[in-house]
Amino acid sequence: MFVHENWMKAGIIEKIKSLAARRKLSDLTVGPVLTWDNIHIQKHIDSILALPGTKLLFGGKPLQNHSIPSVYGSFEPTAIYVPLETISKNFEIVCKELFGPF
């Protein structure tokens, strides 16, 4: 999601974080990532956070207290801030799709 600085000042990230926090396994608003396991999801998060100017906005942790098999991913909805200049220099990694709440 591209966000203008005015939307950042208006609190769009806090609103999205609040909405993401309501997602849970019990009502199926969050579920397993069938294409990536937690090891690969964590590596992807770590590789993006190693880029200049990035920061974790929310999430970034595995789900707790579930019975999802370890061959699937089970992460909290996650958002990472990446500056535009970092995206353009690292497009392949930043825009890699993992088909989950990331």
Protein backbone atom coordinates (compact mmCIF):
# COMPACT_ATOMS: atom_id res chain seq x y z
CA MET A 1 0.00 0.00 0.00
CA PHE A 2 1.39 3.40 -0.96
CA VAL A 3 0.51 6.03 1.63
CA HIS A 4 0.88 9.79 1.27
CA GLU A 5 2.49 11.53 4.24
CA ASN A 6 -0.80 13.31 5.00
CA TRP A 7 -2.52 9.94 5.52
CA MET A 8 0.35 8.90 7.79
CA LYS A 9 -0.17 12.06 9.85
CA ALA A 10 -3.91 11.35 9.96
CA GLY A 11 -3.30 7.95 11.58
CA ILE A 12 -4.00 5.48 8.76
CA ILE A 13 -1.44 2.98 10.10
CA GLU A 14 -2.99 2.96 13.57
CA LYS A 15 -6.41 2.35 12.01
CA ILE A 16 -5.13 -0.54 9.88
CA LYS A 17 -3.27 -1.97 12.88
CA SER A 18 -6.48 -1.84 14.90
CA LEU A 19 -8.40 -3.65 12.16
CA ALA A 20 -5.65 -6.26 11.74
CA ALA A 21 -5.64 -6.93 15.49
CA ARG A 22 -9.28 -8.04 15.27
CA ARG A 23 -8.40 -10.89 12.92
CA LYS A 24 -8.27 -14.30 14.61
CA LEU A 25 -8.32 -18.00 13.92
CA SER A 26 -11.54 -18.58 15.84
CA ASP A 27 -13.62 -16.67 13.29
CA LEU A 28 -11.41 -17.57 10.30
CA THR A 29 -10.43 -13.97 9.57
CA VAL A 30 -6.84 -15.18 9.69
CA GLY A 31 -5.63 -18.62 8.72
CA PRO A 32 -2.69 -20.63 7.46
CA VAL A 33 -0.45 -19.55 4.60
CA LEU A 34 -0.43 -22.64 2.40
CA THR A 35 2.57 -21.68 0.26
CA TRP A 36 5.12 -20.65 2.93
CA ASP A 37 6.06 -22.07 6.34
CA ASN A 38 6.98 -19.90 9.34
CA ILE A 39 10.71 -20.30 8.75
CA HIS A 40 10.42 -18.82 5.26
CA ILE A 41 8.02 -16.09 6.36
CA GLN A 42 10.42 -15.05 9.15
CA LYS A 43 13.36 -15.03 6.72
CA HIS A 44 11.37 -12.81 4.36
CA ILE A 45 10.46 -10.40 7.17
CA ASP A 46 14.09 -10.29 8.32
CA SER A 47 15.38 -9.67 4.79
CA ILE A 48 13.03 -6.73 4.29
CA LEU A 49 13.80 -5.28 7.72
CA ALA A 50 17.52 -5.40 6.83
CA LEU A 51 16.91 -2.87 4.03
CA PRO A 52 17.60 0.84 4.64
CA GLY A 53 14.81 2.83 6.28
CA THR A 54 12.41 -0.06 6.87
CA LYS A 55 10.52 -0.63 10.10
CA LEU A 56 8.00 -3.12 11.40
CA LEU A 57 4.64 -1.36 11.82
CA PHE A 58 2.75 -4.28 13.36
CA GLY A 59 2.63 -8.07 13.47
CA GLY A 60 5.76 -9.93 12.53
CA LYS A 61 5.19 -12.76 14.99
CA PRO A 62 3.94 -16.33 14.57
CA LEU A 63 0.41 -17.06 15.73
CA GLN A 64 0.17 -18.76 19.12
CA ASN A 65 -2.06 -21.53 20.48
CA HIS A 66 -3.15 -23.20 17.27
CA SER A 67 -3.01 -26.58 15.58
CA ILE A 68 -1.83 -25.45 12.13
CA PRO A 69 0.74 -27.99 10.85
CA SER A 70 4.30 -26.62 10.66
CA VAL A 71 4.43 -27.11 6.87
CA TYR A 72 2.12 -24.07 6.64
CA GLY A 73 2.70 -20.51 7.73
CA SER A 74 0.85 -19.08 10.68
CA PHE A 75 1.76 -15.43 11.25
CA GLU A 76 -0.04 -12.42 12.62
CA PRO A 77 -1.14 -9.92 9.98
CA THR A 78 2.06 -8.00 9.32
CA ALA A 79 2.98 -4.62 7.84
CA ILE A 80 6.44 -3.22 7.20
CA TYR A 81 7.19 0.35 6.20
CA VAL A 82 9.53 0.54 3.21
CA PRO A 83 10.59 3.94 1.79
CA LEU A 84 9.98 4.43 -1.94
CA GLU A 85 13.68 4.76 -2.72
CA THR A 86 14.30 1.43 -0.99
CA ILE A 87 11.51 -0.24 -2.96
CA SER A 88 12.93 0.91 -6.29
CA LYS A 89 16.38 -0.46 -5.43
CA ASN A 90 15.07 -3.75 -3.98
CA PHE A 91 11.93 -4.36 -6.02
CA GLU A 92 12.28 -8.14 -6.32
CA ILE A 93 12.43 -8.80 -2.58
CA VAL A 94 10.03 -6.07 -1.44
CA CYS A 95 7.33 -7.07 -3.94
CA LYS A 96 7.63 -10.83 -3.44
CA GLU A 97 4.14 -12.22 -2.81
CA LEU A 98 3.62 -14.76 -0.06
CA PHE A 99 -0.18 -14.99 -0.33
CA GLY A 100 -0.79 -14.24 3.31
CA PRO A 101 -1.64 -11.33 5.60
CA PHE A 102 1.60 -9.47 4.85
